[in-house]
C-alpha atoms as a PDB file:
ATOM      1  CA  MET A   1      -7.248 -30.948   3.234  1.00  0.00           C
ATOM      2  CA  LYS A   2     -10.763 -31.178   1.882  1.00  0.00           C
ATOM      3  CA  ILE A   3     -12.087 -28.574  -0.490  1.00  0.00           C
ATOM      4  CA  ILE A   4     -15.853 -28.334  -0.152  1.00  0.00           C
ATOM      5  CA  ASN A   5     -17.809 -26.498  -2.852  1.00  0.00           C
ATOM      6  CA  GLY A   6     -14.671 -24.694  -4.043  1.00  0.00           C
ATOM      7  CA  GLN A   7     -13.928 -23.249  -0.583  1.00  0.00           C
ATOM      8  CA  PHE A   8     -10.837 -23.832   1.463  1.00  0.00           C
ATOM      9  CA  PRO A   9     -11.102 -24.592   5.179  1.00  0.00           C
ATOM     10  CA  SER A  10     -10.281 -21.811   7.600  1.00  0.00           C
ATOM     11  CA  ILE A  11      -7.107 -21.622   9.659  1.00  0.00           C
ATOM     12  CA  GLU A  12      -9.113 -22.416  12.787  1.00  0.00           C
ATOM     13  CA  GLN A  13     -10.415 -25.608  11.189  1.00  0.00           C
ATOM     14  CA  LEU A  14      -6.924 -26.744  10.193  1.00  0.00           C
ATOM     15  CA  SER A  15      -4.982 -25.705  13.275  1.00  0.00           C
ATOM     16  CA  GLY A  16      -6.187 -28.688  15.284  1.00  0.00           C
ATOM     17  CA  GLN A  17      -5.009 -31.096  12.582  1.00  0.00           C
ATOM     18  CA  PHE A  18      -1.404 -29.959  12.537  1.00  0.00           C
ATOM     19  CA  ARG A  19      -0.770 -29.281  16.222  1.00  0.00           C
ATOM     20  CA  LYS A  20      -1.739 -32.613  17.686  1.00  0.00           C
ATOM     21  CA  PRO A  21       0.602 -33.902  20.399  1.00  0.00           C
ATOM     22  CA  PRO A  22       2.755 -36.936  19.548  1.00  0.00           C
ATOM     23  CA  VAL A  23       1.204 -40.342  20.170  1.00  0.00           C
ATOM     24  CA  SER A  24       3.051 -43.161  21.938  1.00  0.00           C
ATOM     25  CA  ALA A  25       3.133 -46.752  20.703  1.00  0.00           C
ATOM     26  CA  GLN A  26       0.221 -47.546  23.042  1.00  0.00           C
ATOM     27  CA  GLY A  27      -1.887 -44.870  21.377  1.00  0.00           C
ATOM     28  CA  GLU A  28      -1.652 -42.474  24.309  1.00  0.00           C
ATOM     29  CA  GLU A  29      -0.946 -38.825  23.733  1.00  0.00           C
ATOM     30  CA  LYS A  30       2.407 -37.849  25.172  1.00  0.00           C
ATOM     31  CA  GLU A  31       3.929 -34.473  25.771  1.00  0.00           C
ATOM     32  CA  GLY A  32       6.757 -33.602  23.380  1.00  0.00           C
ATOM     33  CA  ASN A  33      10.175 -32.610  24.628  1.00  0.00           C
ATOM     34  CA  SER A  34      11.102 -28.983  24.261  1.00  0.00           C
ATOM     35  CA  PHE A  35      14.293 -27.945  22.532  1.00  0.00           C
ATOM     36  CA  ALA A  36      15.743 -26.907  25.903  1.00  0.00           C
ATOM     37  CA  ASP A  37      15.054 -30.385  27.358  1.00  0.00           C
ATOM     38  CA  ILE A  38      16.744 -32.112  24.429  1.00  0.00           C
ATOM     39  CA  LEU A  39      19.730 -29.741  24.523  1.00  0.00           C
ATOM     40  CA  SER A  40      20.146 -30.175  28.268  1.00  0.00           C
ATOM     41  CA  ALA A  41      20.049 -33.978  27.985  1.00  0.00           C
ATOM     42  CA  LYS A  42      22.628 -33.901  25.175  1.00  0.00           C
ATOM     43  CA  GLN A  43      24.933 -31.642  27.168  1.00  0.00           C
ATOM     44  CA  LYS A  44      24.701 -33.920  30.199  1.00  0.00           C
ATOM     45  CA  THR A  45      25.707 -36.986  28.184  1.00  0.00           C
ATOM     46  CA  THR A  46      28.595 -35.062  26.618  1.00  0.00           C
ATOM     47  CA  VAL A  47      29.823 -33.770  29.970  1.00  0.00           C
ATOM     48  CA  ASP A  48      29.548 -37.187  31.598  1.00  0.00           C
ATOM     49  CA  GLU A  49      31.704 -38.844  28.948  1.00  0.00           C
ATOM     50  CA  ALA A  50      35.236 -39.624  30.037  1.00  0.00           C
ATOM     51  CA  ILE A  51      38.114 -37.761  28.461  1.00  0.00           C
ATOM     52  CA  ARG A  52      39.643 -39.685  25.560  1.00  0.00           C
ATOM     53  CA  PHE A  53      43.133 -39.630  24.122  1.00  0.00           C
ATOM     54  CA  SER A  54      43.873 -39.661  20.406  1.00  0.00           C
ATOM     55  CA  LYS A  55      46.384 -42.141  19.053  1.00  0.00           C
ATOM     56  CA  HIS A  56      48.880 -39.291  18.694  1.00  0.00           C
ATOM     57  CA  ALA A  57      48.364 -38.127  22.301  1.00  0.00           C
ATOM     58  CA  SER A  58      48.663 -41.683  23.624  1.00  0.00           C
ATOM     59  CA  GLY A  59      51.947 -42.032  21.757  1.00  0.00           C
ATOM     60  CA  ARG A  60      53.219 -38.736  23.159  1.00  0.00           C
ATOM     61  CA  LEU A  61      52.352 -39.790  26.714  1.00  0.00           C
ATOM     62  CA  SER A  62      54.121 -43.096  26.208  1.00  0.00           C
ATOM     63  CA  ASP A  63      57.200 -41.573  24.529  1.00  0.00           C
ATOM     64  CA  ARG A  64      57.583 -38.981  27.288  1.00  0.00           C
ATOM     65  CA  ASN A  65      56.878 -41.433  30.125  1.00  0.00           C
ATOM     66  CA  ILE A  66      53.932 -39.377  31.354  1.00  0.00           C
ATOM     67  CA  GLU A  67      51.496 -41.260  33.541  1.00  0.00           C
ATOM     68  CA  LEU A  68      48.327 -39.571  34.762  1.00  0.00           C
ATOM     69  CA  SER A  69      46.736 -40.336  38.112  1.00  0.00           C
ATOM     70  CA  ASP A  70      42.969 -40.565  38.555  1.00  0.00           C
ATOM     71  CA  SER A  71      42.923 -37.139  40.201  1.00  0.00           C
ATOM     72  CA  GLN A  72      44.850 -35.659  37.262  1.00  0.00           C
ATOM     73  CA  LEU A  73      42.396 -37.233  34.800  1.00  0.00           C
ATOM     74  CA  ASP A  74      39.536 -35.720  36.818  1.00  0.00           C
ATOM     75  CA  ARG A  75      41.208 -32.300  36.746  1.00  0.00           C
ATOM     76  CA  LEU A  76      41.820 -32.620  33.002  1.00  0.00           C
ATOM     77  CA  ALA A  77      38.141 -33.477  32.466  1.00  0.00           C
ATOM     78  CA  ALA A  78      37.129 -30.528  34.681  1.00  0.00           C
ATOM     79  CA  GLY A  79      39.374 -28.196  32.664  1.00  0.00           C
ATOM     80  CA  THR A  80      37.854 -29.487  29.444  1.00  0.00           C
ATOM     81  CA  ARG A  81      34.366 -28.941  30.860  1.00  0.00           C
ATOM     82  CA  LYS A  82      35.273 -25.350  31.867  1.00  0.00           C
ATOM     83  CA  ALA A  83      36.609 -24.700  28.372  1.00  0.00           C
ATOM     84  CA  GLY A  84      33.343 -25.978  26.880  1.00  0.00           C
ATOM     85  CA  GLU A  85      31.316 -23.722  29.162  1.00  0.00           C
ATOM     86  CA  LYS A  86      33.276 -20.734  27.844  1.00  0.00           C
ATOM     87  CA  GLY A  87      32.731 -21.735  24.217  1.00  0.00           C
ATOM     88  CA  ILE A  88      36.314 -22.818  23.544  1.00  0.00           C
ATOM     89  CA  ASN A  89      36.754 -25.363  20.748  1.00  0.00           C
ATOM     90  CA  GLU A  90      40.474 -26.177  20.907  1.00  0.00           C
ATOM     91  CA  SER A  91      41.905 -25.585  24.352  1.00  0.00           C
ATOM     92  CA  LEU A  92      45.310 -25.594  25.958  1.00  0.00           C
ATOM     93  CA  VAL A  93      44.935 -27.188  29.399  1.00  0.00           C
ATOM     94  CA  LEU A  94      47.862 -26.589  31.754  1.00  0.00           C
ATOM     95  CA  MET A  95      48.106 -28.863  34.780  1.00  0.00           C
ATOM     96  CA  ASP A  96      51.059 -29.429  37.112  1.00  0.00           C
ATOM     97  CA  GLN A  97      54.007 -29.362  34.670  1.00  0.00           C
ATOM     98  CA  LEU A  98      51.949 -30.831  31.816  1.00  0.00           C
ATOM     99  CA  ALA A  99      50.334 -29.229  28.779  1.00  0.00           C
ATOM    100  CA  PHE A 100      47.456 -30.763  26.806  1.00  0.00           C
ATOM    101  CA  ILE A 101      45.772 -29.617  23.624  1.00  0.00           C
ATOM    102  CA  VAL A 102      42.146 -30.758  23.845  1.00  0.00           C
ATOM    103  CA  ASN A 103      39.367 -30.837  21.269  1.00  0.00           C
ATOM    104  CA  VAL A 104      36.586 -29.772  23.632  1.00  0.00           C
ATOM    105  CA  LYS A 105      33.644 -30.814  21.447  1.00  0.00           C
ATOM    106  CA  ASN A 106      34.890 -34.409  21.233  1.00  0.00           C
ATOM    107  CA  ASN A 107      36.388 -34.550  24.756  1.00  0.00           C
ATOM    108  CA  THR A 108      39.614 -35.725  23.127  1.00  0.00           C
ATOM    109  CA  VAL A 109      43.208 -34.886  24.027  1.00  0.00           C
ATOM    110  CA  ILE A 110      45.014 -34.256  20.767  1.00  0.00           C
ATOM    111  CA  THR A 111      48.540 -33.977  22.114  1.00  0.00           C
ATOM    112  CA  ALA A 112      50.338 -33.890  25.448  1.00  0.00           C
ATOM    113  CA  MET A 113      53.720 -32.708  26.620  1.00  0.00           C
ATOM    114  CA  ASP A 114      55.777 -32.001  29.692  1.00  0.00           C
ATOM    115  CA  GLN A 115      56.329 -28.244  29.933  1.00  0.00           C
ATOM    116  CA  SER A 116      59.937 -28.696  30.936  1.00  0.00           C
ATOM    117  CA  GLU A 117      60.601 -30.351  27.545  1.00  0.00           C
ATOM    118  CA  ALA A 118      59.146 -27.511  25.515  1.00  0.00           C
ATOM    119  CA  ASP A 119      61.785 -25.594  23.592  1.00  0.00           C
ATOM    120  CA  GLU A 120      59.792 -22.498  22.738  1.00  0.00           C
ATOM    121  CA  ASN A 121      56.566 -22.908  24.723  1.00  0.00           C
ATOM    122  CA  VAL A 122      54.550 -21.953  21.636  1.00  0.00           C
ATOM    123  CA  PHE A 123      51.097 -23.446  21.191  1.00  0.00           C
ATOM    124  CA  THR A 124      49.193 -22.936  17.950  1.00  0.00           C
ATOM    125  CA  ASN A 125      45.678 -23.671  16.710  1.00  0.00           C
ATOM    126  CA  ILE A 126      43.997 -23.042  20.059  1.00  0.00           C
ATOM    127  CA  ASP A 127      41.271 -20.562  20.909  1.00  0.00           C
ATOM    128  CA  GLY A 128      41.563 -20.617  24.682  1.00  0.00           C
ATOM    129  CA  ALA A 129      43.515 -21.876  27.643  1.00  0.00           C
ATOM    130  CA  VAL A 130      42.572 -23.315  31.037  1.00  0.00           C
ATOM    131  CA  ILE A 131      44.891 -23.702  34.007  1.00  0.00           C
ATOM    132  CA  VAL A 132      43.858 -26.404  36.484  1.00  0.00           C
END
């Protein structure tokens, strides 16, 4: 900012300096991405990620001899996606005779169990449930 003869430049004179579009490496002006574009792209990459299993959940599946088919994994991912759309953070996903606690933000199954093995059928630390 130049001060000429003790006077400050006007807002109109400065506005062009601070609202220039971003410049690419080739020196071309490029249009910036809006917040909505960035958010949408981030959500798409999150949704497209495959469901993961924590070490604890993998151990539970192994201990209980639970094997998931590809269609069950797809349904589990769809249930997780539905939970995310509703704003659920920690979800109970019920599928066939199986129950999964899923951290929706990280697309990670925290624990898994066969419903027939549950003594009390009590699930804690969840803020929503999805039945697929």
